[in-house]
C-alpha atoms as a PDB file:
ATOM      1  CA  MET A   1     -50.377 -63.101 -41.761  1.00  0.00           C
ATOM      2  CA  PRO A   2     -49.011 -65.717 -44.260  1.00  0.00           C
ATOM      3  CA  ARG A   3     -47.131 -64.261 -47.183  1.00  0.00           C
ATOM      4  CA  SER A   4     -47.544 -65.527 -50.692  1.00  0.00           C
ATOM      5  CA  LYS A   5     -45.223 -65.135 -53.663  1.00  0.00           C
ATOM      6  CA  THR A   6     -48.124 -64.150 -55.967  1.00  0.00           C
ATOM      7  CA  GLY A   7     -49.314 -61.463 -53.283  1.00  0.00           C
ATOM      8  CA  ARG A   8     -52.338 -63.291 -52.195  1.00  0.00           C
ATOM      9  CA  VAL A   9     -52.802 -63.506 -48.493  1.00  0.00           C
ATOM     10  CA  ARG A  10     -55.199 -65.894 -46.668  1.00  0.00           C
ATOM     11  CA  LEU A  11     -57.795 -64.267 -44.146  1.00  0.00           C
ATOM     12  CA  PRO A  12     -56.855 -64.452 -40.523  1.00  0.00           C
ATOM     13  CA  VAL A  13     -58.753 -66.898 -38.396  1.00  0.00           C
ATOM     14  CA  GLN A  14     -61.388 -64.994 -36.448  1.00  0.00           C
ATOM     15  CA  LYS A  15     -61.207 -66.478 -32.929  1.00  0.00           C
ATOM     16  CA  ASN A  16     -64.967 -66.313 -32.384  1.00  0.00           C
ATOM     17  CA  ASN A  17     -65.826 -68.039 -35.450  1.00  0.00           C
ATOM     18  CA  LEU A  18     -63.631 -70.587 -34.586  1.00  0.00           C
ATOM     19  CA  LYS A  19     -65.000 -70.913 -31.133  1.00  0.00           C
ATOM     20  CA  ASN A  20     -68.471 -71.303 -32.434  1.00  0.00           C
ATOM     21  CA  ALA A  21     -67.510 -74.029 -34.990  1.00  0.00           C
ATOM     22  CA  VAL A  22     -65.966 -76.215 -31.780  1.00  0.00           C
ATOM     23  CA  ASP A  23     -69.178 -75.431 -29.856  1.00  0.00           C
ATOM     24  CA  VAL A  24     -71.399 -76.244 -32.960  1.00  0.00           C
ATOM     25  CA  LEU A  25     -69.285 -79.635 -33.258  1.00  0.00           C
ATOM     26  CA  LEU A  26     -69.720 -80.436 -29.670  1.00  0.00           C
ATOM     27  CA  ARG A  27     -73.510 -80.526 -30.396  1.00  0.00           C
ATOM     28  CA  GLN A  28     -72.710 -83.531 -32.911  1.00  0.00           C
ATOM     29  CA  TYR A  29     -72.613 -81.448 -36.056  1.00  0.00           C
ATOM     30  CA  SER A  30     -70.391 -82.669 -39.069  1.00  0.00           C
ATOM     31  CA  ILE A  31     -66.882 -80.754 -39.658  1.00  0.00           C
ATOM     32  CA  CYS A  32     -68.140 -79.653 -42.763  1.00  0.00           C
ATOM     33  CA  GLN A  33     -71.318 -78.192 -41.633  1.00  0.00           C
ATOM     34  CA  ALA A  34     -69.499 -76.360 -38.723  1.00  0.00           C
ATOM     35  CA  ALA A  35     -67.006 -74.998 -40.933  1.00  0.00           C
ATOM     36  CA  VAL A  36     -69.393 -73.673 -43.678  1.00  0.00           C
ATOM     37  CA  ASN A  37     -71.750 -72.044 -41.027  1.00  0.00           C
ATOM     38  CA  ASN A  38     -68.857 -70.484 -39.292  1.00  0.00           C
ATOM     39  CA  GLN A  39     -66.893 -69.243 -42.717  1.00  0.00           C
ATOM     40  CA  ILE A  40     -63.708 -71.194 -41.900  1.00  0.00           C
ATOM     41  CA  SER A  41     -61.745 -73.687 -43.642  1.00  0.00           C
ATOM     42  CA  LYS A  42     -62.331 -77.418 -42.717  1.00  0.00           C
ATOM     43  CA  THR A  43     -58.591 -78.059 -42.247  1.00  0.00           C
ATOM     44  CA  THR A  44     -58.163 -75.050 -39.968  1.00  0.00           C
ATOM     45  CA  LEU A  45     -60.707 -76.285 -38.010  1.00  0.00           C
ATOM     46  CA  LEU A  46     -59.546 -80.070 -37.864  1.00  0.00           C
ATOM     47  CA  ARG A  47     -55.998 -78.442 -36.918  1.00  0.00           C
ATOM     48  CA  HIS A  48     -57.253 -76.738 -34.025  1.00  0.00           C
ATOM     49  CA  LEU A  49     -59.625 -79.483 -32.834  1.00  0.00           C
ATOM     50  CA  LYS A  50     -56.636 -81.967 -32.776  1.00  0.00           C
ATOM     51  CA  ILE A  51     -54.156 -79.349 -30.963  1.00  0.00           C
ATOM     52  CA  ASN A  52     -57.067 -78.968 -28.335  1.00  0.00           C
ATOM     53  CA  ARG A  53     -57.576 -82.814 -27.939  1.00  0.00           C
ATOM     54  CA  GLU A  54     -53.818 -83.106 -27.492  1.00  0.00           C
ATOM     55  CA  THR A  55     -53.951 -80.939 -24.513  1.00  0.00           C
ATOM     56  CA  LYS A  56     -56.964 -82.741 -23.012  1.00  0.00           C
ATOM     57  CA  GLU A  57     -58.896 -79.559 -22.300  1.00  0.00           C
ATOM     58  CA  ASN A  58     -62.599 -79.518 -21.481  1.00  0.00           C
ATOM     59  CA  ILE A  59     -62.614 -75.654 -22.825  1.00  0.00           C
ATOM     60  CA  PHE A  60     -61.654 -74.811 -26.191  1.00  0.00           C
ATOM     61  CA  ILE A  61     -58.653 -72.217 -26.178  1.00  0.00           C
ATOM     62  CA  TYR A  62     -57.645 -70.797 -29.530  1.00  0.00           C
ATOM     63  CA  LYS A  63     -53.653 -70.566 -29.693  1.00  0.00           C
ATOM     64  CA  SER A  64     -52.169 -68.739 -32.515  1.00  0.00           C
ATOM     65  CA  ASN A  65     -49.229 -70.146 -34.532  1.00  0.00           C
ATOM     66  CA  VAL A  66     -47.562 -66.876 -35.643  1.00  0.00           C
ATOM     67  CA  ALA A  67     -44.155 -67.653 -34.528  1.00  0.00           C
ATOM     68  CA  HIS A  68     -43.794 -71.429 -36.469  1.00  0.00           C
ATOM     69  CA  ARG A  69     -40.391 -71.307 -37.567  1.00  0.00           C
ATOM     70  CA  ARG A  70     -39.037 -68.188 -36.452  1.00  0.00           C
ATOM     71  CA  ILE A  71     -35.329 -67.689 -36.263  1.00  0.00           C
ATOM     72  CA  PHE A  72     -35.088 -64.865 -34.001  1.00  0.00           C
ATOM     73  CA  SER A  73     -36.411 -64.140 -30.865  1.00  0.00           C
ATOM     74  CA  ASN A  74     -37.745 -60.692 -30.517  1.00  0.00           C
ATOM     75  CA  MET A  75     -34.722 -59.567 -28.497  1.00  0.00           C
ATOM     76  CA  GLU A  76     -32.188 -60.726 -31.231  1.00  0.00           C
ATOM     77  CA  LYS A  77     -34.536 -59.010 -33.973  1.00  0.00           C
ATOM     78  CA  ASP A  78     -34.007 -55.950 -31.725  1.00  0.00           C
ATOM     79  CA  LEU A  79     -30.257 -55.850 -31.905  1.00  0.00           C
ATOM     80  CA  LEU A  80     -30.083 -56.396 -35.455  1.00  0.00           C
ATOM     81  CA  VAL A  81     -32.155 -53.574 -36.101  1.00  0.00           C
ATOM     82  CA  ASP A  82     -30.387 -51.226 -33.580  1.00  0.00           C
ATOM     83  CA  TYR A  83     -27.241 -52.285 -35.337  1.00  0.00           C
ATOM     84  CA  LEU A  84     -28.787 -51.370 -38.623  1.00  0.00           C
ATOM     85  CA  LYS A  85     -29.682 -47.956 -37.229  1.00  0.00           C
ATOM     86  CA  THR A  86     -26.334 -47.235 -35.632  1.00  0.00           C
ATOM     87  CA  ALA A  87     -24.568 -48.023 -38.868  1.00  0.00           C
ATOM     88  CA  ALA A  88     -26.707 -45.655 -40.891  1.00  0.00           C
ATOM     89  CA  LYS A  89     -26.205 -43.031 -38.216  1.00  0.00           C
ATOM     90  CA  LEU A  90     -22.426 -43.629 -38.702  1.00  0.00           C
ATOM     91  CA  HIS A  91     -22.731 -43.309 -42.602  1.00  0.00           C
ATOM     92  CA  TYR A  92     -22.206 -46.772 -42.904  1.00  0.00           C
ATOM     93  CA  GLY A  93     -25.549 -47.919 -44.107  1.00  0.00           C
ATOM     94  CA  LEU A  94     -25.889 -51.530 -45.225  1.00  0.00           C
ATOM     95  CA  THR A  95     -27.565 -52.747 -48.271  1.00  0.00           C
ATOM     96  CA  LYS A  96     -30.435 -55.182 -48.049  1.00  0.00           C
ATOM     97  CA  ASP A  97     -28.224 -57.779 -49.184  1.00  0.00           C
ATOM     98  CA  GLU A  98     -25.455 -56.893 -46.594  1.00  0.00           C
ATOM     99  CA  PHE A  99     -28.139 -57.030 -44.148  1.00  0.00           C
ATOM    100  CA  ARG A 100     -29.089 -60.437 -45.213  1.00  0.00           C
ATOM    101  CA  LYS A 101     -25.619 -61.806 -44.899  1.00  0.00           C
ATOM    102  CA  LEU A 102     -25.276 -60.169 -41.469  1.00  0.00           C
ATOM    103  CA  ALA A 103     -28.589 -61.767 -40.429  1.00  0.00           C
ATOM    104  CA  TYR A 104     -27.107 -65.236 -41.636  1.00  0.00           C
ATOM    105  CA  GLN A 105     -23.638 -64.861 -39.849  1.00  0.00           C
ATOM    106  CA  PHE A 106     -25.736 -63.743 -36.724  1.00  0.00           C
ATOM    107  CA  ALA A 107     -27.914 -66.852 -36.879  1.00  0.00           C
ATOM    108  CA  ILE A 108     -24.855 -69.146 -37.463  1.00  0.00           C
ATOM    109  CA  GLU A 109     -22.847 -67.528 -34.648  1.00  0.00           C
ATOM    110  CA  ASN A 110     -25.830 -68.072 -32.070  1.00  0.00           C
ATOM    111  CA  LYS A 111     -26.366 -71.698 -33.471  1.00  0.00           C
ATOM    112  CA  LYS A 112     -29.886 -70.912 -34.769  1.00  0.00           C
ATOM    113  CA  GLU A 113     -31.682 -73.386 -37.000  1.00  0.00           C
ATOM    114  CA  VAL A 114     -31.796 -71.800 -40.435  1.00  0.00           C
ATOM    115  CA  PRO A 115     -33.743 -72.909 -43.347  1.00  0.00           C
ATOM    116  CA  ASN A 116     -31.730 -74.797 -46.283  1.00  0.00           C
ATOM    117  CA  SER A 117     -31.908 -71.849 -48.505  1.00  0.00           C
ATOM    118  CA  TRP A 118     -29.907 -69.532 -46.288  1.00  0.00           C
ATOM    119  CA  ILE A 119     -27.225 -72.258 -45.900  1.00  0.00           C
ATOM    120  CA  LYS A 120     -27.390 -72.541 -49.742  1.00  0.00           C
ATOM    121  CA  ASP A 121     -27.004 -68.658 -50.522  1.00  0.00           C
ATOM    122  CA  GLY A 122     -25.233 -67.459 -47.334  1.00  0.00           C
ATOM    123  CA  LYS A 123     -27.693 -64.932 -46.482  1.00  0.00           C
ATOM    124  CA  GLY A 124     -31.013 -64.508 -45.130  1.00  0.00           C
ATOM    125  CA  GLY A 125     -34.026 -64.892 -47.576  1.00  0.00           C
ATOM    126  CA  ARG A 126     -35.870 -62.229 -49.033  1.00  0.00           C
ATOM    127  CA  GLU A 127     -39.305 -62.949 -47.158  1.00  0.00           C
ATOM    128  CA  TRP A 128     -37.352 -62.670 -43.848  1.00  0.00           C
ATOM    129  CA  ILE A 129     -36.288 -58.901 -44.424  1.00  0.00           C
ATOM    130  CA  ARG A 130     -39.619 -57.748 -44.553  1.00  0.00           C
END
């Protein structure tokens, strides 16, 4: 689920509502009517319709975009977490700031694409460590 600095989060998209909205659109209803009737935003509906049209599939399939701009794979993330746990067991625990620096170094060594804020600060972002 997306995070915001103010603490408000958007409600997740309900797969059934999205599929129903697409079915309604195929019956020649307007995008606004389909979005309102199925309690989803018009922009979300348009984005998923565009993705579905690009794949040229006749059947609508919901595809989540949770991995957008993900820096580390699950395996790499597990490696970092295991290192942190091992360091803590050896009584050499890392602070959050040190761990963020370690994540940045790990990303650079593995030639990962990192946000500009990571390069500027020389460490991972606050949102990443959550």
